[in-house]
C-alpha atoms as a PDB file:
ATOM      1  CA  MET A   1     -21.628  -2.530   6.354  1.00  0.00           C
ATOM      2  CA  THR A   2     -20.609  -4.533   3.343  1.00  0.00           C
ATOM      3  CA  ASP A   3     -16.955  -4.574   2.326  1.00  0.00           C
ATOM      4  CA  TYR A   4     -16.473  -4.064  -1.391  1.00  0.00           C
ATOM      5  CA  GLU A   5     -13.541  -4.374  -3.715  1.00  0.00           C
ATOM      6  CA  GLY A   6     -13.027  -2.492  -6.954  1.00  0.00           C
ATOM      7  CA  PRO A   7     -15.504   0.183  -8.028  1.00  0.00           C
ATOM      8  CA  GLY A   8     -17.921  -0.621  -5.181  1.00  0.00           C
ATOM      9  CA  ALA A   9     -15.260   0.300  -2.609  1.00  0.00           C
ATOM     10  CA  MET A  10     -14.604   3.662  -4.250  1.00  0.00           C
ATOM     11  CA  VAL A  11     -18.323   4.391  -4.522  1.00  0.00           C
ATOM     12  CA  ARG A  12     -18.748   3.658  -0.805  1.00  0.00           C
ATOM     13  CA  ARG A  13     -15.836   5.971   0.104  1.00  0.00           C
ATOM     14  CA  VAL A  14     -17.352   8.825  -1.888  1.00  0.00           C
ATOM     15  CA  GLY A  15     -20.714   8.294  -0.194  1.00  0.00           C
ATOM     16  CA  LEU A  16     -19.166   8.128   3.273  1.00  0.00           C
ATOM     17  CA  LEU A  17     -17.193  11.283   2.585  1.00  0.00           C
ATOM     18  CA  LEU A  18     -20.452  13.095   1.853  1.00  0.00           C
ATOM     19  CA  LEU A  19     -22.301  11.553   4.804  1.00  0.00           C
ATOM     20  CA  ASP A  20     -19.565  12.512   7.259  1.00  0.00           C
ATOM     21  CA  ALA A  21     -19.193  16.099   6.037  1.00  0.00           C
ATOM     22  CA  THR A  22     -21.287  18.905   7.492  1.00  0.00           C
ATOM     23  CA  GLY A  23     -22.157  22.462   6.580  1.00  0.00           C
ATOM     24  CA  ALA A  24     -19.765  24.306   4.293  1.00  0.00           C
ATOM     25  CA  GLU A  25     -17.471  21.285   4.000  1.00  0.00           C
ATOM     26  CA  HIS A  26     -20.378  19.160   2.715  1.00  0.00           C
ATOM     27  CA  ASP A  27     -21.324  21.838   0.182  1.00  0.00           C
ATOM     28  CA  GLU A  28     -17.737  22.155  -1.033  1.00  0.00           C
ATOM     29  CA  ILE A  29     -17.327  18.378  -1.450  1.00  0.00           C
ATOM     30  CA  LEU A  30     -20.664  18.131  -3.244  1.00  0.00           C
ATOM     31  CA  ARG A  31     -19.740  20.979  -5.581  1.00  0.00           C
ATOM     32  CA  ALA A  32     -16.416  19.288  -6.407  1.00  0.00           C
ATOM     33  CA  LEU A  33     -18.082  15.910  -7.004  1.00  0.00           C
ATOM     34  CA  ARG A  34     -20.600  17.458  -9.376  1.00  0.00           C
ATOM     35  CA  SER A  35     -17.693  18.411 -11.620  1.00  0.00           C
ATOM     36  CA  TYR A  36     -16.982  14.721 -12.196  1.00  0.00           C
ATOM     37  CA  LEU A  37     -20.109  12.740 -11.318  1.00  0.00           C
ATOM     38  CA  SER A  38     -23.744  12.903 -12.347  1.00  0.00           C
ATOM     39  CA  HIS A  39     -26.531  13.455  -9.845  1.00  0.00           C
ATOM     40  CA  THR A  40     -27.420   9.761 -10.225  1.00  0.00           C
ATOM     41  CA  GLU A  41     -23.858   8.631  -9.473  1.00  0.00           C
ATOM     42  CA  ILE A  42     -23.783  10.789  -6.337  1.00  0.00           C
ATOM     43  CA  ALA A  43     -27.152   9.362  -5.263  1.00  0.00           C
ATOM     44  CA  ALA A  44     -25.774   5.848  -5.806  1.00  0.00           C
ATOM     45  CA  ALA A  45     -22.689   6.630  -3.699  1.00  0.00           C
ATOM     46  CA  LEU A  46     -24.897   7.817  -0.850  1.00  0.00           C
ATOM     47  CA  ALA A  47     -27.132   4.737  -1.163  1.00  0.00           C
ATOM     48  CA  VAL A  48     -24.095   2.414  -1.023  1.00  0.00           C
ATOM     49  CA  ALA A  49     -22.717   4.265   2.019  1.00  0.00           C
ATOM     50  CA  LYS A  50     -26.093   3.851   3.766  1.00  0.00           C
ATOM     51  CA  ASP A  51     -26.208   0.120   2.842  1.00  0.00           C
ATOM     52  CA  GLU A  52     -29.310   0.691   0.746  1.00  0.00           C
ATOM     53  CA  LEU A  53     -27.599  -0.401  -2.462  1.00  0.00           C
ATOM     54  CA  ASP A  54     -25.121  -3.190  -3.200  1.00  0.00           C
ATOM     55  CA  GLY A  55     -22.122  -1.393  -4.697  1.00  0.00           C
ATOM     56  CA  SER A  56     -20.928  -4.500  -6.517  1.00  0.00           C
ATOM     57  CA  LEU A  57     -23.822  -4.067  -8.979  1.00  0.00           C
ATOM     58  CA  LEU A  58     -22.549  -0.697 -10.178  1.00  0.00           C
ATOM     59  CA  TYR A  59     -20.345  -0.252 -13.256  1.00  0.00           C
ATOM     60  CA  GLN A  60     -21.380  -3.613 -14.695  1.00  0.00           C
ATOM     61  CA  GLY A  61     -22.677  -2.295 -18.012  1.00  0.00           C
ATOM     62  CA  VAL A  62     -26.090  -1.228 -16.712  1.00  0.00           C
ATOM     63  CA  PRO A  63     -27.054   2.431 -16.288  1.00  0.00           C
ATOM     64  CA  THR A  64     -26.817   3.540 -12.661  1.00  0.00           C
ATOM     65  CA  HIS A  65     -30.430   4.738 -12.577  1.00  0.00           C
ATOM     66  CA  LYS A  66     -31.614   1.195 -13.315  1.00  0.00           C
ATOM     67  CA  ILE A  67     -29.519  -0.222 -10.468  1.00  0.00           C
ATOM     68  CA  LEU A  68     -30.837   2.444  -8.091  1.00  0.00           C
ATOM     69  CA  GLY A  69     -34.379   1.307  -8.889  1.00  0.00           C
ATOM     70  CA  LEU A  70     -33.824  -2.294  -7.804  1.00  0.00           C
ATOM     71  CA  SER A  71     -35.427  -3.550  -4.622  1.00  0.00           C
ATOM     72  CA  ARG A  72     -33.126  -4.971  -1.947  1.00  0.00           C
ATOM     73  CA  GLU A  73     -34.591  -8.403  -2.716  1.00  0.00           C
ATOM     74  CA  ASP A  74     -33.716  -8.127  -6.410  1.00  0.00           C
ATOM     75  CA  GLN A  75     -30.205  -6.891  -5.552  1.00  0.00           C
ATOM     76  CA  GLN A  76     -29.698  -9.960  -3.374  1.00  0.00           C
ATOM     77  CA  ARG A  77     -30.930 -12.260  -6.143  1.00  0.00           C
ATOM     78  CA  LEU A  78     -28.412 -10.791  -8.567  1.00  0.00           C
ATOM     79  CA  VAL A  79     -25.358 -11.031  -6.320  1.00  0.00           C
ATOM     80  CA  SER A  80     -26.305 -14.440  -4.895  1.00  0.00           C
ATOM     81  CA  GLY A  81     -25.307 -16.326  -8.046  1.00  0.00           C
ATOM     82  CA  GLU A  82     -28.910 -17.392  -8.633  1.00  0.00           C
ATOM     83  CA  LYS A  83     -29.440 -18.635 -12.191  1.00  0.00           C
ATOM     84  CA  LEU A  84     -32.072 -16.436 -13.791  1.00  0.00           C
ATOM     85  CA  GLY A  85     -33.971 -17.385 -16.928  1.00  0.00           C
ATOM     86  CA  LEU A  86     -33.177 -15.398 -20.062  1.00  0.00           C
ATOM     87  CA  LEU A  87     -35.180 -15.792 -23.251  1.00  0.00           C
ATOM     88  CA  THR A  88     -32.811 -16.475 -26.142  1.00  0.00           C
ATOM     89  CA  SER A  89     -33.306 -15.368 -29.750  1.00  0.00           C
ATOM     90  CA  ASP A  90     -34.525 -18.859 -30.695  1.00  0.00           C
ATOM     91  CA  GLY A  91     -37.177 -18.934 -27.964  1.00  0.00           C
ATOM     92  CA  ARG A  92     -35.301 -21.094 -25.449  1.00  0.00           C
ATOM     93  CA  ILE A  93     -34.817 -20.061 -21.851  1.00  0.00           C
ATOM     94  CA  GLU A  94     -31.192 -20.066 -20.759  1.00  0.00           C
ATOM     95  CA  PHE A  95     -30.493 -20.042 -17.026  1.00  0.00           C
ATOM     96  CA  ILE A  96     -27.549 -17.801 -16.255  1.00  0.00           C
ATOM     97  CA  SER A  97     -26.251 -15.848 -13.262  1.00  0.00           C
ATOM     98  CA  TRP A  98     -25.655 -12.076 -13.187  1.00  0.00           C
ATOM     99  CA  ALA A  99     -21.891 -12.669 -13.130  1.00  0.00           C
ATOM    100  CA  GLU A 100     -22.111 -14.737 -16.331  1.00  0.00           C
ATOM    101  CA  MET A 101     -24.281 -12.224 -18.225  1.00  0.00           C
ATOM    102  CA  THR A 102     -23.070  -9.781 -20.818  1.00  0.00           C
ATOM    103  CA  PRO A 103     -23.857  -6.087 -20.237  1.00  0.00           C
ATOM    104  CA  THR A 104     -26.664  -6.356 -22.826  1.00  0.00           C
ATOM    105  CA  GLN A 105     -28.197  -9.318 -21.009  1.00  0.00           C
ATOM    106  CA  ARG A 106     -27.918  -7.495 -17.669  1.00  0.00           C
ATOM    107  CA  ASN A 107     -29.593  -4.432 -19.089  1.00  0.00           C
ATOM    108  CA  GLN A 108     -32.449  -6.500 -20.473  1.00  0.00           C
ATOM    109  CA  MET A 109     -32.747  -8.508 -17.259  1.00  0.00           C
ATOM    110  CA  ILE A 110     -33.367  -5.401 -15.223  1.00  0.00           C
ATOM    111  CA  GLY A 111     -35.754  -3.877 -17.732  1.00  0.00           C
ATOM    112  CA  GLN A 112     -37.091  -0.631 -16.367  1.00  0.00           C
ATOM    113  CA  GLY A 113     -34.936  -0.804 -13.243  1.00  0.00           C
ATOM    114  CA  VAL A 114     -37.795  -1.527 -10.878  1.00  0.00           C
ATOM    115  CA  ILE A 115     -38.063  -5.316 -10.856  1.00  0.00           C
ATOM    116  CA  ILE A 116     -36.328  -8.232 -12.476  1.00  0.00           C
ATOM    117  CA  LYS A 117     -38.621  -9.109 -15.346  1.00  0.00           C
ATOM    118  CA  PRO A 118     -40.238 -12.529 -15.584  1.00  0.00           C
ATOM    119  CA  SER A 119     -38.368 -14.639 -18.130  1.00  0.00           C
ATOM    120  CA  ASP A 120     -41.181 -14.511 -20.686  1.00  0.00           C
ATOM    121  CA  GLN A 121     -40.752 -10.711 -20.899  1.00  0.00           C
ATOM    122  CA  ARG A 122     -36.959 -10.701 -21.421  1.00  0.00           C
ATOM    123  CA  LEU A 123     -35.427 -10.329 -24.831  1.00  0.00           C
ATOM    124  CA  ALA A 124     -31.764 -11.022 -24.083  1.00  0.00           C
ATOM    125  CA  ARG A 125     -29.994 -12.656 -26.981  1.00  0.00           C
ATOM    126  CA  SER A 126     -27.541 -15.436 -26.231  1.00  0.00           C
END
């Protein structure tokens, strides 16, 4: 299990709470969570608790459904500090890590939430 700080830690706790609950208790917790969280946010919490999703990628300016769609390999690339090529408005490619990106750049990097787009398909503006 990965140890997270900040929002990732809270997301993991919510997921673990649901995973550990059974029967009526599970249903009651789920009902309460649905008052505050979307279905996608609950799915993300469960994925983080099961170590299927890196919780540090959540709440970084990218919709949760896009993060949920990332492969484990792409998640690792983002959190590793790898410099990824972003196409700038003037046609240059700027190499920048996930941590250095703005929310707009992150959103464009992920694209449809399935794969990290090749740099020639990104439209992030620097």
